[in-house]
């Protein structure tokens, strides 16, 4: 399993969500960290990767082979602005 590191903006984003949505996002993140399973895409013009979880987008980078750094967790209407 990869180590998950949260930035302060990402922590604030996840705290802002209702509990069922936050739990669904965390479950998908842990599934991705364990098995690499999920809808992940590299973004054009950005160094970040994106994990799609329903209407939410989790933006992250992998600074090392065993680490995932979560940068933001946003609703899709706000994610690409």
N, C-alpha and C. Protein backbone atom coordinates (compact mmCIF):
# COMPACT_ATOMS: atom_id res chain seq x y z
N UNK A 1 0.85 -1.19 0.00
CA UNK A 1 0.00 0.00 0.00
C UNK A 1 0.88 1.24 0.00
N UNK A 2 0.46 2.21 -0.78
CA UNK A 2 1.20 3.47 -0.84
C UNK A 2 0.83 4.35 0.35
N UNK A 3 1.78 5.19 0.74
CA UNK A 3 1.56 6.14 1.83
C UNK A 3 0.81 7.34 1.27
N UNK A 4 -0.20 7.81 1.98
CA UNK A 4 -1.02 8.93 1.53
C UNK A 4 -0.69 10.15 2.36
N UNK A 5 -0.33 11.25 1.68
CA UNK A 5 0.01 12.52 2.34
C UNK A 5 -1.02 13.55 1.89
N UNK A 6 -1.61 14.26 2.84
CA UNK A 6 -2.63 15.27 2.53
C UNK A 6 -2.04 16.66 2.67
N UNK A 7 -2.30 17.54 1.70
CA UNK A 7 -1.94 18.96 1.85
C UNK A 7 -3.06 19.64 2.64
N UNK A 8 -2.77 20.83 3.16
CA UNK A 8 -3.78 21.55 3.94
C UNK A 8 -5.03 21.90 3.11
N UNK A 9 -4.89 22.37 1.85
CA UNK A 9 -6.11 22.63 1.07
C UNK A 9 -6.95 21.37 0.85
N UNK A 10 -6.31 20.23 0.67
CA UNK A 10 -7.06 18.98 0.47
C UNK A 10 -7.78 18.58 1.75
N UNK A 11 -7.14 18.77 2.90
CA UNK A 11 -7.82 18.47 4.18
C UNK A 11 -9.05 19.34 4.35
N UNK A 12 -8.92 20.63 4.00
CA UNK A 12 -10.06 21.54 4.11
C UNK A 12 -11.18 21.13 3.15
N UNK A 13 -10.81 20.70 1.94
CA UNK A 13 -11.81 20.26 0.96
C UNK A 13 -12.60 19.08 1.48
N UNK A 14 -11.94 18.09 2.04
CA UNK A 14 -12.62 16.86 2.48
C UNK A 14 -13.47 17.14 3.71
N UNK A 15 -13.04 18.06 4.58
CA UNK A 15 -13.83 18.41 5.76
C UNK A 15 -15.12 19.13 5.39
N UNK A 16 -15.12 19.84 4.27
CA UNK A 16 -16.28 20.60 3.81
C UNK A 16 -17.41 19.71 3.30
N UNK A 17 -17.11 18.47 2.97
CA UNK A 17 -18.10 17.57 2.38
C UNK A 17 -18.96 16.90 3.45
N UNK A 18 -20.15 16.43 3.02
CA UNK A 18 -20.97 15.65 3.95
C UNK A 18 -20.31 14.29 4.16
N UNK A 19 -20.63 13.65 5.26
CA UNK A 19 -19.93 12.44 5.66
C UNK A 19 -20.03 11.28 4.66
N UNK A 20 -21.21 10.96 4.11
CA UNK A 20 -21.27 9.84 3.14
C UNK A 20 -20.39 10.09 1.91
N UNK A 21 -20.38 11.31 1.41
CA UNK A 21 -19.55 11.64 0.24
C UNK A 21 -18.07 11.52 0.59
N UNK A 22 -17.68 12.05 1.73
CA UNK A 22 -16.28 11.98 2.17
C UNK A 22 -15.84 10.52 2.34
N UNK A 23 -16.70 9.68 2.90
CA UNK A 23 -16.35 8.28 3.09
C UNK A 23 -16.22 7.55 1.76
N UNK A 24 -17.07 7.89 0.78
CA UNK A 24 -16.97 7.29 -0.55
C UNK A 24 -15.66 7.67 -1.22
N UNK A 25 -15.26 8.93 -1.07
CA UNK A 25 -14.00 9.40 -1.65
C UNK A 25 -12.81 8.72 -0.98
N UNK A 26 -12.84 8.62 0.34
CA UNK A 26 -11.73 7.96 1.06
C UNK A 26 -11.64 6.48 0.71
N UNK A 27 -12.79 5.82 0.55
CA UNK A 27 -12.78 4.40 0.18
C UNK A 27 -12.17 4.22 -1.21
N UNK A 28 -12.53 5.09 -2.15
CA UNK A 28 -11.97 5.00 -3.51
C UNK A 28 -10.47 5.30 -3.50
N UNK A 29 -10.06 6.25 -2.68
CA UNK A 29 -8.63 6.58 -2.57
C UNK A 29 -7.84 5.40 -2.02
N UNK A 30 -8.35 4.75 -0.97
CA UNK A 30 -7.65 3.60 -0.40
C UNK A 30 -7.63 2.41 -1.37
N UNK A 31 -8.71 2.24 -2.12
CA UNK A 31 -8.73 1.18 -3.13
C UNK A 31 -7.66 1.45 -4.19
N UNK A 32 -7.52 2.71 -4.60
CA UNK A 32 -6.49 3.07 -5.58
C UNK A 32 -5.08 2.89 -4.99
N UNK A 33 -4.89 3.28 -3.74
CA UNK A 33 -3.57 3.14 -3.10
C UNK A 33 -3.18 1.67 -2.96
N UNK A 34 -4.15 0.79 -2.69
CA UNK A 34 -3.88 -0.64 -2.53
C UNK A 34 -3.60 -1.33 -3.87
N UNK A 35 -4.49 -1.09 -4.85
CA UNK A 35 -4.44 -1.91 -6.05
C UNK A 35 -4.19 -1.13 -7.34
N UNK A 36 -4.21 0.19 -7.28
CA UNK A 36 -4.07 0.97 -8.50
C UNK A 36 -5.35 1.02 -9.31
N UNK A 37 -6.44 0.56 -8.72
CA UNK A 37 -7.74 0.49 -9.39
C UNK A 37 -8.46 1.83 -9.28
N UNK A 38 -8.95 2.34 -10.39
CA UNK A 38 -9.70 3.60 -10.39
C UNK A 38 -9.56 4.32 -11.71
N UNK A 39 -10.38 5.33 -11.89
CA UNK A 39 -10.37 6.13 -13.12
C UNK A 39 -9.36 7.26 -12.96
N UNK A 40 -8.10 6.98 -13.28
CA UNK A 40 -7.02 7.95 -13.13
C UNK A 40 -6.58 8.43 -14.50
N UNK A 41 -6.34 9.73 -14.60
CA UNK A 41 -5.94 10.31 -15.87
C UNK A 41 -4.90 11.40 -15.61
N UNK A 42 -3.89 11.49 -16.47
CA UNK A 42 -2.93 12.58 -16.42
C UNK A 42 -3.57 13.80 -17.08
N UNK A 43 -3.39 14.96 -16.50
CA UNK A 43 -4.02 16.17 -17.01
C UNK A 43 -3.07 16.93 -17.91
N UNK A 44 -3.59 17.47 -18.99
CA UNK A 44 -2.77 18.26 -19.90
C UNK A 44 -2.44 19.61 -19.26
N UNK A 45 -1.19 20.01 -19.39
CA UNK A 45 -0.77 21.31 -18.88
C UNK A 45 -0.59 21.36 -17.37
N UNK A 46 -0.70 20.23 -16.70
CA UNK A 46 -0.52 20.16 -15.24
C UNK A 46 0.35 18.96 -14.93
N UNK A 47 1.02 19.02 -13.79
CA UNK A 47 1.82 17.87 -13.37
C UNK A 47 0.98 16.84 -12.62
N UNK A 48 -0.24 17.23 -12.25
CA UNK A 48 -1.08 16.38 -11.40
C UNK A 48 -1.79 15.29 -12.19
N UNK A 49 -2.20 14.28 -11.43
CA UNK A 49 -3.09 13.24 -11.93
C UNK A 49 -4.45 13.49 -11.31
N UNK A 50 -5.48 12.90 -11.91
CA UNK A 50 -6.83 13.08 -11.42
C UNK A 50 -7.48 11.72 -11.22
N UNK A 51 -8.09 11.53 -10.06
CA UNK A 51 -8.88 10.33 -9.77
C UNK A 51 -10.34 10.75 -9.75
N UNK A 52 -11.16 10.17 -10.64
CA UNK A 52 -12.57 10.53 -10.72
C UNK A 52 -13.36 9.63 -9.79
N UNK A 53 -14.16 10.25 -8.90
CA UNK A 53 -15.01 9.53 -7.96
C UNK A 53 -16.39 10.16 -8.05
N UNK A 54 -17.25 9.63 -8.90
CA UNK A 54 -18.57 10.21 -9.10
C UNK A 54 -18.45 11.62 -9.64
N UNK A 55 -19.07 12.59 -8.95
CA UNK A 55 -19.00 13.99 -9.36
C UNK A 55 -17.79 14.71 -8.77
N UNK A 56 -16.94 14.01 -8.05
CA UNK A 56 -15.78 14.64 -7.41
C UNK A 56 -14.49 14.23 -8.10
N UNK A 57 -13.52 15.12 -8.04
CA UNK A 57 -12.20 14.89 -8.62
C UNK A 57 -11.16 15.06 -7.53
N UNK A 58 -10.29 14.08 -7.42
CA UNK A 58 -9.21 14.09 -6.43
C UNK A 58 -7.92 14.31 -7.22
N UNK A 59 -7.25 15.43 -6.99
CA UNK A 59 -6.02 15.76 -7.71
C UNK A 59 -4.83 15.38 -6.84
N UNK A 60 -3.86 14.67 -7.43
CA UNK A 60 -2.72 14.20 -6.66
C UNK A 60 -1.48 14.10 -7.53
N UNK A 61 -0.34 13.97 -6.86
CA UNK A 61 0.94 13.68 -7.52
C UNK A 61 1.58 12.52 -6.78
N UNK A 62 2.50 11.86 -7.44
CA UNK A 62 3.26 10.77 -6.82
C UNK A 62 4.74 11.18 -6.78
N UNK A 63 5.16 11.89 -5.71
CA UNK A 63 6.54 12.36 -5.65
C UNK A 63 7.55 11.22 -5.53
N UNK A 64 7.13 10.09 -4.98
CA UNK A 64 7.98 8.90 -4.88
C UNK A 64 7.12 7.70 -5.26
N UNK A 65 7.77 6.57 -5.52
CA UNK A 65 7.05 5.38 -5.97
C UNK A 65 6.06 4.87 -4.93
N UNK A 66 6.31 5.13 -3.64
CA UNK A 66 5.45 4.59 -2.59
C UNK A 66 4.61 5.67 -1.90
N UNK A 67 4.46 6.85 -2.52
CA UNK A 67 3.76 7.97 -1.89
C UNK A 67 2.76 8.59 -2.85
N UNK A 68 1.59 8.95 -2.31
CA UNK A 68 0.58 9.71 -3.04
C UNK A 68 0.36 10.99 -2.24
N UNK A 69 0.55 12.15 -2.87
CA UNK A 69 0.30 13.43 -2.22
C UNK A 69 -0.99 14.01 -2.77
N UNK A 70 -2.01 14.11 -1.91
CA UNK A 70 -3.31 14.62 -2.31
C UNK A 70 -3.24 16.14 -2.27
N UNK A 71 -3.56 16.78 -3.41
CA UNK A 71 -3.50 18.24 -3.48
C UNK A 71 -4.86 18.89 -3.28
N UNK A 72 -5.92 18.39 -3.95
CA UNK A 72 -7.25 18.98 -3.84
C UNK A 72 -8.31 17.90 -4.02
N UNK A 73 -9.49 18.14 -3.45
CA UNK A 73 -10.68 17.30 -3.65
C UNK A 73 -11.80 18.27 -3.97
N UNK A 74 -12.25 18.28 -5.25
CA UNK A 74 -13.22 19.28 -5.69
C UNK A 74 -14.37 18.66 -6.46
N UNK A 75 -15.52 19.32 -6.42
CA UNK A 75 -16.64 18.92 -7.26
C UNK A 75 -16.26 19.22 -8.70
N UNK A 76 -16.79 18.47 -9.64
CA UNK A 76 -16.37 18.62 -11.02
C UNK A 76 -16.67 19.99 -11.60
N UNK A 77 -17.70 20.69 -11.09
CA UNK A 77 -18.00 22.03 -11.63
C UNK A 77 -16.94 23.05 -11.22
N UNK A 78 -16.19 22.79 -10.14
CA UNK A 78 -15.15 23.71 -9.68
C UNK A 78 -13.74 23.23 -10.03
N UNK A 79 -13.63 21.98 -10.42
CA UNK A 79 -12.30 21.34 -10.51
C UNK A 79 -11.41 21.90 -11.59
N UNK A 80 -11.96 22.27 -12.73
CA UNK A 80 -11.11 22.62 -13.87
C UNK A 80 -11.09 24.11 -14.16
N UNK A 81 -11.53 24.94 -13.26
CA UNK A 81 -11.54 26.40 -13.46
C UNK A 81 -10.17 26.98 -13.23
